[in-house]
C-alpha cells in the first residue's frame, strides 16, 4: 500500500473512525511493511503458529459481550503476542494476547491475533468468533445493530415471550 493510503487509514481512525485488524497486518509489519499503519496497532507479531488455542475472556467489554468465558479454536496466528497499548480482552496459552481493543485519537481499533480462515483453521465458523466480530464492528463503529435484554435465555417449547427490541 502506498504511504498515502496508510496515512489515510491512520487519519480516518484518529478522527473518529474504526478499524479491525487481524494477524495478517502484524505479519506484514514484521516483514517491514506498513510502517505508518503500525503506529495505531495495539500489538505486534512475535512469531507464528498453527494449532488449537483456548481463548479466555479476561475483561468485560462491549467486544466480549455474550462470549463464552473460554472456547477452543484451531487457528493460525500470532504466538505469545504482547499488547503494547489498549486493553487486553482475550488471551490464549498459544496466542498470548489474543484480542486487544484500543482508543486511538477519537477512533477505535480492535486487533485479533488470528489470521482468520487460513491453512486448515476456520475460526470464524465458531459462534463465539462470529459474536466477537459482530461486537467488534459495533464497538469500533460506535453503533449497535441490535440489543436485547436479557442477552442469553431460552424460551420453553410451546410458550411465548414478549420481547422489546431497541436500537
Foldseek 3Di string as FASTA:
>chain_A
DDPVVLVVVLVCALVAFEEEAEQVVLVQVVVVPSPSNVVPDFWHADDKDWAKKKKAFDDDDLLQPPADRIDIFGFIFGAQIDTPDADQGIATNGRGRAWGWHRHNNFIYIYGRGPAPDDPTHVCVDPNNVSSVLSSVCVRHVHHPWDWPPPDDDDDPPDDDDTDIDD
